[in-house]
């Protein structure tokens, strides 16, 4: 009996597995820095260590959530709509983004003015001859909403080529350089070009513009091993440190200083879109 007690006393205490806090990489932002205060909050709320993981694309983040490889994630809209039907993926909070920022978060489709293209129907009719550039697999404003808009014409256009530029600015640069015929990107860089260089902007034409898009929510893997309720309470009680840090990692959340509740009605209209052929 004494030996058993001594053995138990001498046995090392097992460290609980780290909770995996993740998002996806984007060249413009250091998202490991943006996620650091969130990871610290999760540690305090759970009493467990955390590790930050950055996936290559929003699409990769959605797949990792569905496979149970990420426990808590800051998503974009594209990753969220792809992953929300997967078991145990639960939205727990959304950054309260200023209305002016939300109104600016839109996607556009641009073409060169000398192409003669002026509508979605025209794009669809000539798709087989056109080079198409989008931002990233799973990008909300630089891939998914444009794919949905093109499909709304009654067809899924098969472009001559389809490539990923990596950033919204790079997609615009590809179009300006004549290396692509159609560019899908967020409205921000296009608006900036119109303000900074109206002459160059005049060589392009906007053929489609989305309605404002909501930012992706923070999601949690709803398992007994992941304290989603405790993390949710901590987020809503956050003094601003976590919200401000995250807001600096995404253009669509710029200026947010707190979290709000997830409202399904904001997200129900958006569905997962397969990539264009």
C-alpha atoms as a PDB file:
ATOM      1  CA  UNK A   1       0.000   0.000   0.000  1.00  0.00           C
ATOM      2  CA  UNK A   2       2.779   2.394   0.966  1.00  0.00           C
ATOM      3  CA  UNK A   3       4.734   1.453  -2.150  1.00  0.00           C
ATOM      4  CA  UNK A   4       1.664   2.107  -4.315  1.00  0.00           C
ATOM      5  CA  UNK A   5       1.184   5.539  -2.779  1.00  0.00           C
ATOM      6  CA  UNK A   6       4.842   6.387  -3.214  1.00  0.00           C
ATOM      7  CA  UNK A   7       4.746   5.299  -6.853  1.00  0.00           C
ATOM      8  CA  UNK A   8       1.693   7.457  -7.497  1.00  0.00           C
ATOM      9  CA  UNK A   9       3.314  10.412  -5.749  1.00  0.00           C
ATOM     10  CA  UNK A  10       6.513  10.003  -7.755  1.00  0.00           C
ATOM     11  CA  UNK A  11       4.774   9.653 -11.144  1.00  0.00           C
ATOM     12  CA  UNK A  12       5.026  12.799 -13.259  1.00  0.00           C
ATOM     13  CA  UNK A  13       1.796  14.710 -13.817  1.00  0.00           C
ATOM     14  CA  UNK A  14       0.726  14.471 -17.443  1.00  0.00           C
ATOM     15  CA  UNK A  15       0.529  17.806 -19.239  1.00  0.00           C
ATOM     16  CA  UNK A  16      -2.833  18.080 -21.017  1.00  0.00           C
ATOM     17  CA  UNK A  17      -2.579  18.317 -24.801  1.00  0.00           C
ATOM     18  CA  UNK A  18      -2.310  21.804 -26.243  1.00  0.00           C
ATOM     19  CA  UNK A  19      -5.393  23.425 -27.707  1.00  0.00           C
ATOM     20  CA  UNK A  20      -4.769  24.315 -31.339  1.00  0.00           C
ATOM     21  CA  UNK A  21      -5.641  27.918 -32.222  1.00  0.00           C
ATOM     22  CA  UNK A  22      -5.554  28.563 -35.949  1.00  0.00           C
ATOM     23  CA  UNK A  23      -6.285  30.622 -39.016  1.00  0.00           C
ATOM     24  CA  UNK A  24      -4.820  30.927 -42.509  1.00  0.00           C
ATOM     25  CA  UNK A  25      -1.762  32.749 -43.814  1.00  0.00           C
ATOM     26  CA  UNK A  26      -1.986  35.966 -45.833  1.00  0.00           C
ATOM     27  CA  UNK A  27       1.163  37.823 -46.946  1.00  0.00           C
ATOM     28  CA  UNK A  28      -0.042  41.277 -45.939  1.00  0.00           C
ATOM     29  CA  UNK A  29      -0.484  40.387 -42.240  1.00  0.00           C
ATOM     30  CA  UNK A  30       1.493  38.577 -39.545  1.00  0.00           C
ATOM     31  CA  UNK A  31      -1.359  36.474 -38.276  1.00  0.00           C
ATOM     32  CA  UNK A  32       0.743  34.641 -35.723  1.00  0.00           C
ATOM     33  CA  UNK A  33       1.006  38.035 -33.984  1.00  0.00           C
ATOM     34  CA  UNK A  34      -2.720  38.683 -34.471  1.00  0.00           C
ATOM     35  CA  UNK A  35      -3.601  35.338 -32.861  1.00  0.00           C
ATOM     36  CA  UNK A  36      -1.188  35.554 -29.904  1.00  0.00           C
ATOM     37  CA  UNK A  37      -3.575  37.385 -27.494  1.00  0.00           C
ATOM     38  CA  UNK A  38      -6.371  34.980 -28.470  1.00  0.00           C
ATOM     39  CA  UNK A  39      -4.136  32.005 -27.681  1.00  0.00           C
ATOM     40  CA  UNK A  40      -3.286  33.569 -24.303  1.00  0.00           C
ATOM     41  CA  UNK A  41      -6.990  34.093 -23.546  1.00  0.00           C
ATOM     42  CA  UNK A  42      -7.716  30.457 -24.426  1.00  0.00           C
ATOM     43  CA  UNK A  43      -4.930  29.350 -22.058  1.00  0.00           C
ATOM     44  CA  UNK A  44      -6.390  31.418 -19.212  1.00  0.00           C
ATOM     45  CA  UNK A  45      -9.938  30.224 -19.862  1.00  0.00           C
ATOM     46  CA  UNK A  46      -9.020  26.561 -20.213  1.00  0.00           C
ATOM     47  CA  UNK A  47      -5.994  26.129 -17.976  1.00  0.00           C
ATOM     48  CA  UNK A  48      -4.292  24.333 -20.847  1.00  0.00           C
ATOM     49  CA  UNK A  49      -1.380  25.200 -23.133  1.00  0.00           C
ATOM     50  CA  UNK A  50      -2.058  26.361 -26.680  1.00  0.00           C
ATOM     51  CA  UNK A  51      -0.243  26.348 -29.978  1.00  0.00           C
ATOM     52  CA  UNK A  52      -0.875  28.645 -32.941  1.00  0.00           C
ATOM     53  CA  UNK A  53      -1.216  27.053 -36.361  1.00  0.00           C
ATOM     54  CA  UNK A  54      -1.376  28.899 -39.692  1.00  0.00           C
ATOM     55  CA  UNK A  55      -2.810  27.049 -42.676  1.00  0.00           C
ATOM     56  CA  UNK A  56      -1.898  27.955 -46.244  1.00  0.00           C
ATOM     57  CA  UNK A  57      -5.365  29.048 -47.429  1.00  0.00           C
ATOM     58  CA  UNK A  58      -8.927  29.537 -46.150  1.00  0.00           C
ATOM     59  CA  UNK A  59      -9.842  26.294 -47.911  1.00  0.00           C
ATOM     60  CA  UNK A  60      -7.090  24.453 -46.014  1.00  0.00           C
ATOM     61  CA  UNK A  61      -8.355  25.960 -42.737  1.00  0.00           C
ATOM     62  CA  UNK A  62     -11.877  24.692 -43.429  1.00  0.00           C
ATOM     63  CA  UNK A  63     -10.580  21.199 -44.133  1.00  0.00           C
ATOM     64  CA  UNK A  64      -8.464  21.213 -40.958  1.00  0.00           C
ATOM     65  CA  UNK A  65     -11.517  22.220 -38.907  1.00  0.00           C
ATOM     66  CA  UNK A  66     -13.565  19.436 -40.454  1.00  0.00           C
ATOM     67  CA  UNK A  67     -10.835  16.894 -39.708  1.00  0.00           C
ATOM     68  CA  UNK A  68     -10.630  18.019 -36.076  1.00  0.00           C
ATOM     69  CA  UNK A  69      -7.080  19.324 -36.474  1.00  0.00           C
ATOM     70  CA  UNK A  70      -7.885  22.850 -35.195  1.00  0.00           C
ATOM     71  CA  UNK A  71      -9.778  23.496 -31.958  1.00  0.00           C
ATOM     72  CA  UNK A  72     -10.416  27.261 -32.116  1.00  0.00           C
ATOM     73  CA  UNK A  73     -10.145  29.301 -35.306  1.00  0.00           C
ATOM     74  CA  UNK A  74     -10.512  32.792 -36.650  1.00  0.00           C
ATOM     75  CA  UNK A  75     -12.183  32.229 -40.002  1.00  0.00           C
ATOM     76  CA  UNK A  76     -13.078  34.259 -43.024  1.00  0.00           C
ATOM     77  CA  UNK A  77     -16.570  33.950 -44.476  1.00  0.00           C
ATOM     78  CA  UNK A  78     -15.385  31.457 -47.096  1.00  0.00           C
ATOM     79  CA  UNK A  79     -13.752  29.099 -44.604  1.00  0.00           C
ATOM     80  CA  UNK A  80     -16.744  29.342 -42.284  1.00  0.00           C
ATOM     81  CA  UNK A  81     -19.417  28.470 -44.846  1.00  0.00           C
ATOM     82  CA  UNK A  82     -17.262  25.547 -45.993  1.00  0.00           C
ATOM     83  CA  UNK A  83     -16.766  24.180 -42.460  1.00  0.00           C
ATOM     84  CA  UNK A  84     -20.010  25.034 -40.644  1.00  0.00           C
ATOM     85  CA  UNK A  85     -21.774  21.816 -41.695  1.00  0.00           C
ATOM     86  CA  UNK A  86     -18.930  19.667 -40.364  1.00  0.00           C
ATOM     87  CA  UNK A  87     -19.472  17.880 -37.043  1.00  0.00           C
ATOM     88  CA  UNK A  88     -18.738  19.916 -33.922  1.00  0.00           C
ATOM     89  CA  UNK A  89     -17.829  23.215 -35.659  1.00  0.00           C
ATOM     90  CA  UNK A  90     -19.588  25.898 -33.617  1.00  0.00           C
ATOM     91  CA  UNK A  91     -19.465  29.699 -34.148  1.00  0.00           C
ATOM     92  CA  UNK A  92     -19.002  31.396 -30.786  1.00  0.00           C
ATOM     93  CA  UNK A  93     -18.373  35.111 -31.457  1.00  0.00           C
ATOM     94  CA  UNK A  94     -17.920  37.700 -34.195  1.00  0.00           C
ATOM     95  CA  UNK A  95     -15.802  40.838 -34.162  1.00  0.00           C
ATOM     96  CA  UNK A  96     -18.027  43.932 -33.993  1.00  0.00           C
ATOM     97  CA  UNK A  97     -16.690  45.728 -37.039  1.00  0.00           C
ATOM     98  CA  UNK A  98     -17.536  49.422 -37.622  1.00  0.00           C
ATOM     99  CA  UNK A  99     -20.378  49.840 -40.159  1.00  0.00           C
ATOM    100  CA  UNK A 100     -18.232  51.907 -42.543  1.00  0.00           C
ATOM    101  CA  UNK A 101     -15.677  49.080 -42.740  1.00  0.00           C
ATOM    102  CA  UNK A 102     -18.381  46.473 -43.276  1.00  0.00           C
ATOM    103  CA  UNK A 103     -19.861  48.519 -46.113  1.00  0.00           C
ATOM    104  CA  UNK A 104     -16.486  48.577 -47.880  1.00  0.00           C
ATOM    105  CA  UNK A 105     -15.923  44.825 -47.653  1.00  0.00           C
ATOM    106  CA  UNK A 106     -17.105  43.668 -51.068  1.00  0.00           C
ATOM    107  CA  UNK A 107     -15.843  41.637 -53.990  1.00  0.00           C
ATOM    108  CA  UNK A 108     -15.567  42.841 -57.581  1.00  0.00           C
ATOM    109  CA  UNK A 109     -14.946  41.399 -61.034  1.00  0.00           C
ATOM    110  CA  UNK A 110     -12.739  43.552 -63.238  1.00  0.00           C
ATOM    111  CA  UNK A 111     -11.785  43.312 -66.912  1.00  0.00           C
ATOM    112  CA  UNK A 112      -9.699  45.420 -69.249  1.00  0.00           C
ATOM    113  CA  UNK A 113     -11.851  48.070 -70.907  1.00  0.00           C
ATOM    114  CA  UNK A 114     -10.537  47.209 -74.370  1.00  0.00           C
ATOM    115  CA  UNK A 115     -11.858  43.641 -73.991  1.00  0.00           C
ATOM    116  CA  UNK A 116     -15.373  44.788 -74.830  1.00  0.00           C
ATOM    117  CA  UNK A 117     -16.739  42.786 -71.887  1.00  0.00           C
ATOM    118  CA  UNK A 118     -19.397  44.596 -69.892  1.00  0.00           C
ATOM    119  CA  UNK A 119     -21.536  42.005 -68.069  1.00  0.00           C
ATOM    120  CA  UNK A 120     -21.531  38.652 -66.303  1.00  0.00           C
ATOM    121  CA  UNK A 121     -23.386  37.116 -69.236  1.00  0.00           C
ATOM    122  CA  UNK A 122     -20.681  38.307 -71.621  1.00  0.00           C
ATOM    123  CA  UNK A 123     -18.010  36.807 -69.372  1.00  0.00           C
ATOM    124  CA  UNK A 124     -19.818  33.486 -69.337  1.00  0.00           C
ATOM    125  CA  UNK A 125     -20.296  33.438 -73.095  1.00  0.00           C
ATOM    126  CA  UNK A 126     -16.594  34.053 -73.775  1.00  0.00           C
ATOM    127  CA  UNK A 127     -15.124  32.200 -70.798  1.00  0.00           C
ATOM    128  CA  UNK A 128     -13.373  29.568 -72.909  1.00  0.00           C
ATOM    129  CA  UNK A 129     -11.174  32.271 -74.432  1.00  0.00           C
ATOM    130  CA  UNK A 130     -10.445  34.169 -71.214  1.00  0.00           C
ATOM    131  CA  UNK A 131      -7.745  33.907 -68.547  1.00  0.00           C
ATOM    132  CA  UNK A 132      -9.200  34.169 -65.041  1.00  0.00           C
ATOM    133  CA  UNK A 133      -7.292  35.203 -61.902  1.00  0.00           C
ATOM    134  CA  UNK A 134      -8.560  35.004 -58.328  1.00  0.00           C
ATOM    135  CA  UNK A 135      -6.809  35.479 -54.996  1.00  0.00           C
ATOM    136  CA  UNK A 136      -6.685  32.257 -52.948  1.00  0.00           C
ATOM    137  CA  UNK A 137      -8.680  29.035 -52.666  1.00  0.00           C
ATOM    138  CA  UNK A 138     -11.443  29.922 -50.224  1.00  0.00           C
ATOM    139  CA  UNK A 139     -10.963  33.695 -50.414  1.00  0.00           C
ATOM    140  CA  UNK A 140     -14.348  35.281 -49.743  1.00  0.00           C
ATOM    141  CA  UNK A 141     -14.020  38.558 -51.629  1.00  0.00           C
ATOM    142  CA  UNK A 142     -11.440  37.288 -54.099  1.00  0.00           C
ATOM    143  CA  UNK A 143     -12.893  33.965 -55.260  1.00  0.00           C
ATOM    144  CA  UNK A 144     -16.094  32.645 -53.707  1.00  0.00           C
ATOM    145  CA  UNK A 145     -18.558  35.488 -54.187  1.00  0.00           C
ATOM    146  CA  UNK A 146     -17.414  35.932 -57.777  1.00  0.00           C
ATOM    147  CA  UNK A 147     -17.900  32.212 -58.446  1.00  0.00           C
ATOM    148  CA  UNK A 148     -21.422  32.455 -57.037  1.00  0.00           C
ATOM    149  CA  UNK A 149     -22.156  35.507 -59.183  1.00  0.00           C
ATOM    150  CA  UNK A 150     -20.912  33.799 -62.343  1.00  0.00           C
ATOM    151  CA  UNK A 151     -22.991  30.706 -61.581  1.00  0.00           C
ATOM    152  CA  UNK A 152     -26.047  32.908 -61.064  1.00  0.00           C
ATOM    153  CA  UNK A 153     -26.111  33.436 -64.834  1.00  0.00           C
ATOM    154  CA  UNK A 154     -27.119  29.789 -65.209  1.00  0.00           C
ATOM    155  CA  UNK A 155     -23.745  28.344 -66.078  1.00  0.00           C
ATOM    156  CA  UNK A 156     -20.418  27.555 -64.418  1.00  0.00           C
ATOM    157  CA  UNK A 157     -18.006  29.135 -66.865  1.00  0.00           C
ATOM    158  CA  UNK A 158     -14.927  27.102 -67.768  1.00  0.00           C
ATOM    159  CA  UNK A 159     -12.217  29.701 -68.345  1.00  0.00           C
ATOM    160  CA  UNK A 160      -9.239  29.019 -70.585  1.00  0.00           C
ATOM    161  CA  UNK A 161      -7.017  29.249 -67.498  1.00  0.00           C
ATOM    162  CA  UNK A 162      -7.674  29.879 -63.807  1.00  0.00           C
ATOM    163  CA  UNK A 163      -4.872  30.840 -61.455  1.00  0.00           C
ATOM    164  CA  UNK A 164      -4.336  32.242 -57.949  1.00  0.00           C
ATOM    165  CA  UNK A 165      -2.417  35.484 -57.541  1.00  0.00           C
ATOM    166  CA  UNK A 166      -1.909  35.136 -53.772  1.00  0.00           C
ATOM    167  CA  UNK A 167      -3.158  38.616 -52.788  1.00  0.00           C
ATOM    168  CA  UNK A 168      -5.866  41.016 -53.925  1.00  0.00           C
ATOM    169  CA  UNK A 169      -3.234  43.543 -54.995  1.00  0.00           C
ATOM    170  CA  UNK A 170      -1.441  40.908 -57.054  1.00  0.00           C
ATOM    171  CA  UNK A 171      -4.666  39.944 -58.839  1.00  0.00           C
ATOM    172  CA  UNK A 172      -5.174  43.586 -59.805  1.00  0.00           C
ATOM    173  CA  UNK A 173      -1.544  43.851 -60.946  1.00  0.00           C
ATOM    174  CA  UNK A 174      -1.993  40.787 -63.185  1.00  0.00           C
ATOM    175  CA  UNK A 175      -4.909  42.490 -64.923  1.00  0.00           C
ATOM    176  CA  UNK A 176      -3.081  45.797 -65.337  1.00  0.00           C
ATOM    177  CA  UNK A 177      -0.073  43.997 -66.815  1.00  0.00           C
ATOM    178  CA  UNK A 178      -2.223  42.141 -69.333  1.00  0.00           C
ATOM    179  CA  UNK A 179      -1.351  38.721 -67.897  1.00  0.00           C
ATOM    180  CA  UNK A 180      -5.012  37.939 -67.239  1.00  0.00           C
ATOM    181  CA  UNK A 181      -8.323  38.956 -68.783  1.00  0.00           C
ATOM    182  CA  UNK A 182     -10.571  38.795 -65.705  1.00  0.00           C
ATOM    183  CA  UNK A 183      -9.624  39.484 -62.077  1.00  0.00           C
ATOM    184  CA  UNK A 184     -11.625  38.588 -58.965  1.00  0.00           C
ATOM    185  CA  UNK A 185     -10.604  40.616 -55.924  1.00  0.00           C
ATOM    186  CA  UNK A 186     -11.771  42.688 -52.976  1.00  0.00           C
ATOM    187  CA  UNK A 187     -13.017  46.154 -53.778  1.00  0.00           C
ATOM    188  CA  UNK A 188     -10.389  47.869 -51.584  1.00  0.00           C
ATOM    189  CA  UNK A 189      -7.404  47.760 -53.989  1.00  0.00           C
ATOM    190  CA  UNK A 190      -9.667  48.727 -56.896  1.00  0.00           C
ATOM    191  CA  UNK A 191     -11.037  51.702 -54.965  1.00  0.00           C
ATOM    192  CA  UNK A 192      -7.474  52.698 -54.033  1.00  0.00           C
ATOM    193  CA  UNK A 193      -6.347  52.591 -57.669  1.00  0.00           C
ATOM    194  CA  UNK A 194      -9.257  54.812 -58.699  1.00  0.00           C
ATOM    195  CA  UNK A 195      -8.263  57.354 -56.054  1.00  0.00           C
ATOM    196  CA  UNK A 196      -4.497  57.235 -56.683  1.00  0.00           C
ATOM    197  CA  UNK A 197      -4.337  56.834 -60.459  1.00  0.00           C
ATOM    198  CA  UNK A 198      -7.633  57.579 -62.226  1.00  0.00           C
ATOM    199  CA  UNK A 199      -5.996  57.353 -65.648  1.00  0.00           C
ATOM    200  CA  UNK A 200      -4.818  53.797 -65.121  1.00  0.00           C
ATOM    201  CA  UNK A 201      -8.090  52.843 -63.452  1.00  0.00           C
ATOM    202  CA  UNK A 202      -9.910  54.083 -66.550  1.00  0.00           C
ATOM    203  CA  UNK A 203      -8.273  51.287 -68.583  1.00  0.00           C
ATOM    204  CA  UNK A 204     -10.288  48.766 -66.549  1.00  0.00           C
ATOM    205  CA  UNK A 205     -13.997  48.112 -66.194  1.00  0.00           C
ATOM    206  CA  UNK A 206     -15.949  46.799 -63.223  1.00  0.00           C
ATOM    207  CA  UNK A 207     -18.514  44.298 -64.479  1.00  0.00           C
ATOM    208  CA  UNK A 208     -19.830  43.169 -61.096  1.00  0.00           C
ATOM    209  CA  UNK A 209     -19.776  44.240 -57.429  1.00  0.00           C
ATOM    210  CA  UNK A 210     -21.069  42.272 -54.453  1.00  0.00           C
ATOM    211  CA  UNK A 211     -23.194  43.463 -51.586  1.00  0.00           C
ATOM    212  CA  UNK A 212     -21.319  44.022 -48.292  1.00  0.00           C
ATOM    213  CA  UNK A 213     -19.978  40.790 -46.805  1.00  0.00           C
ATOM    214  CA  UNK A 214     -19.853  39.857 -43.110  1.00  0.00           C
ATOM    215  CA  UNK A 215     -16.512  38.869 -41.573  1.00  0.00           C
ATOM    216  CA  UNK A 216     -15.962  35.259 -40.601  1.00  0.00           C
ATOM    217  CA  UNK A 217     -16.810  34.304 -37.006  1.00  0.00           C
ATOM    218  CA  UNK A 218     -14.535  32.779 -34.423  1.00  0.00           C
ATOM    219  CA  UNK A 219     -15.355  29.066 -34.252  1.00  0.00           C
ATOM    220  CA  UNK A 220     -14.706  26.334 -31.700  1.00  0.00           C
ATOM    221  CA  UNK A 221     -14.651  22.524 -31.961  1.00  0.00           C
ATOM    222  CA  UNK A 222     -17.555  21.576 -29.710  1.00  0.00           C
ATOM    223  CA  UNK A 223     -16.055  18.552 -27.961  1.00  0.00           C
ATOM    224  CA  UNK A 224     -15.753  17.613 -24.295  1.00  0.00           C
ATOM    225  CA  UNK A 225     -12.001  18.162 -24.593  1.00  0.00           C
ATOM    226  CA  UNK A 226     -12.419  21.760 -25.827  1.00  0.00           C
ATOM    227  CA  UNK A 227     -13.943  24.285 -23.361  1.00  0.00           C
ATOM    228  CA  UNK A 228     -15.950  26.291 -25.905  1.00  0.00           C
ATOM    229  CA  UNK A 229     -18.325  27.767 -23.308  1.00  0.00           C
ATOM    230  CA  UNK A 230     -15.460  29.088 -21.185  1.00  0.00           C
ATOM    231  CA  UNK A 231     -13.721  30.568 -24.223  1.00  0.00           C
ATOM    232  CA  UNK A 232     -16.994  32.151 -25.360  1.00  0.00           C
ATOM    233  CA  UNK A 233     -17.521  33.826 -21.976  1.00  0.00           C
ATOM    234  CA  UNK A 234     -13.936  35.055 -21.909  1.00  0.00           C
ATOM    235  CA  UNK A 235     -14.269  36.569 -25.387  1.00  0.00           C
ATOM    236  CA  UNK A 236     -17.411  38.493 -24.486  1.00  0.00           C
ATOM    237  CA  UNK A 237     -15.701  39.735 -21.308  1.00  0.00           C
ATOM    238  CA  UNK A 238     -12.484  40.657 -23.156  1.00  0.00           C
ATOM    239  CA  UNK A 239     -11.264  44.176 -22.373  1.00  0.00           C
ATOM    240  CA  UNK A 240     -10.373  44.739 -26.030  1.00  0.00           C
ATOM    241  CA  UNK A 241      -6.868  43.300 -26.251  1.00  0.00           C
ATOM    242  CA  UNK A 242      -7.881  40.164 -28.164  1.00  0.00           C
ATOM    243  CA  UNK A 243     -10.410  41.924 -30.405  1.00  0.00           C
ATOM    244  CA  UNK A 244      -8.017  44.724 -31.347  1.00  0.00           C
ATOM    245  CA  UNK A 245      -5.189  42.294 -32.128  1.00  0.00           C
ATOM    246  CA  UNK A 246      -7.407  40.170 -34.359  1.00  0.00           C
ATOM    247  CA  UNK A 247      -8.890  43.229 -36.056  1.00  0.00           C
ATOM    248  CA  UNK A 248      -5.422  44.190 -37.262  1.00  0.00           C
ATOM    249  CA  UNK A 249      -5.014  40.873 -39.057  1.00  0.00           C
ATOM    250  CA  UNK A 250      -7.923  41.224 -41.513  1.00  0.00           C
ATOM    251  CA  UNK A 251      -8.975  44.187 -43.624  1.00  0.00           C
ATOM    252  CA  UNK A 252     -12.659  43.334 -43.128  1.00  0.00           C
ATOM    253  CA  UNK A 253     -12.396  43.647 -39.327  1.00  0.00           C
ATOM    254  CA  UNK A 254     -10.323  46.828 -39.152  1.00  0.00           C
ATOM    255  CA  UNK A 255     -11.295  49.006 -36.199  1.00  0.00           C
ATOM    256  CA  UNK A 256     -13.116  46.342 -34.163  1.00  0.00           C
ATOM    257  CA  UNK A 257     -12.553  46.656 -30.404  1.00  0.00           C
ATOM    258  CA  UNK A 258     -14.920  44.021 -29.009  1.00  0.00           C
ATOM    259  CA  UNK A 259     -16.754  40.805 -29.805  1.00  0.00           C
ATOM    260  CA  UNK A 260     -20.456  40.375 -30.376  1.00  0.00           C
ATOM    261  CA  UNK A 261     -22.778  37.386 -30.547  1.00  0.00           C
ATOM    262  CA  UNK A 262     -22.977  35.252 -33.666  1.00  0.00           C
ATOM    263  CA  UNK A 263     -26.197  35.966 -35.589  1.00  0.00           C
ATOM    264  CA  UNK A 264     -27.115  33.091 -37.950  1.00  0.00           C
ATOM    265  CA  UNK A 265     -29.340  35.372 -40.044  1.00  0.00           C
ATOM    266  CA  UNK A 266     -26.268  37.287 -41.271  1.00  0.00           C
ATOM    267  CA  UNK A 267     -24.686  34.091 -42.576  1.00  0.00           C
ATOM    268  CA  UNK A 268     -27.602  31.983 -43.801  1.00  0.00           C
ATOM    269  CA  UNK A 269     -27.627  33.592 -47.291  1.00  0.00           C
ATOM    270  CA  UNK A 270     -24.050  32.442 -47.948  1.00  0.00           C
ATOM    271  CA  UNK A 271     -23.377  28.905 -49.111  1.00  0.00           C
ATOM    272  CA  UNK A 272     -20.195  26.973 -49.824  1.00  0.00           C
ATOM    273  CA  UNK A 273     -19.194  27.321 -53.472  1.00  0.00           C
ATOM    274  CA  UNK A 274     -17.096  24.754 -55.346  1.00  0.00           C
ATOM    275  CA  UNK A 275     -14.229  26.307 -57.310  1.00  0.00           C
ATOM    276  CA  UNK A 276     -14.861  27.278 -60.889  1.00  0.00           C
ATOM    277  CA  UNK A 277     -13.781  24.638 -63.417  1.00  0.00           C
END
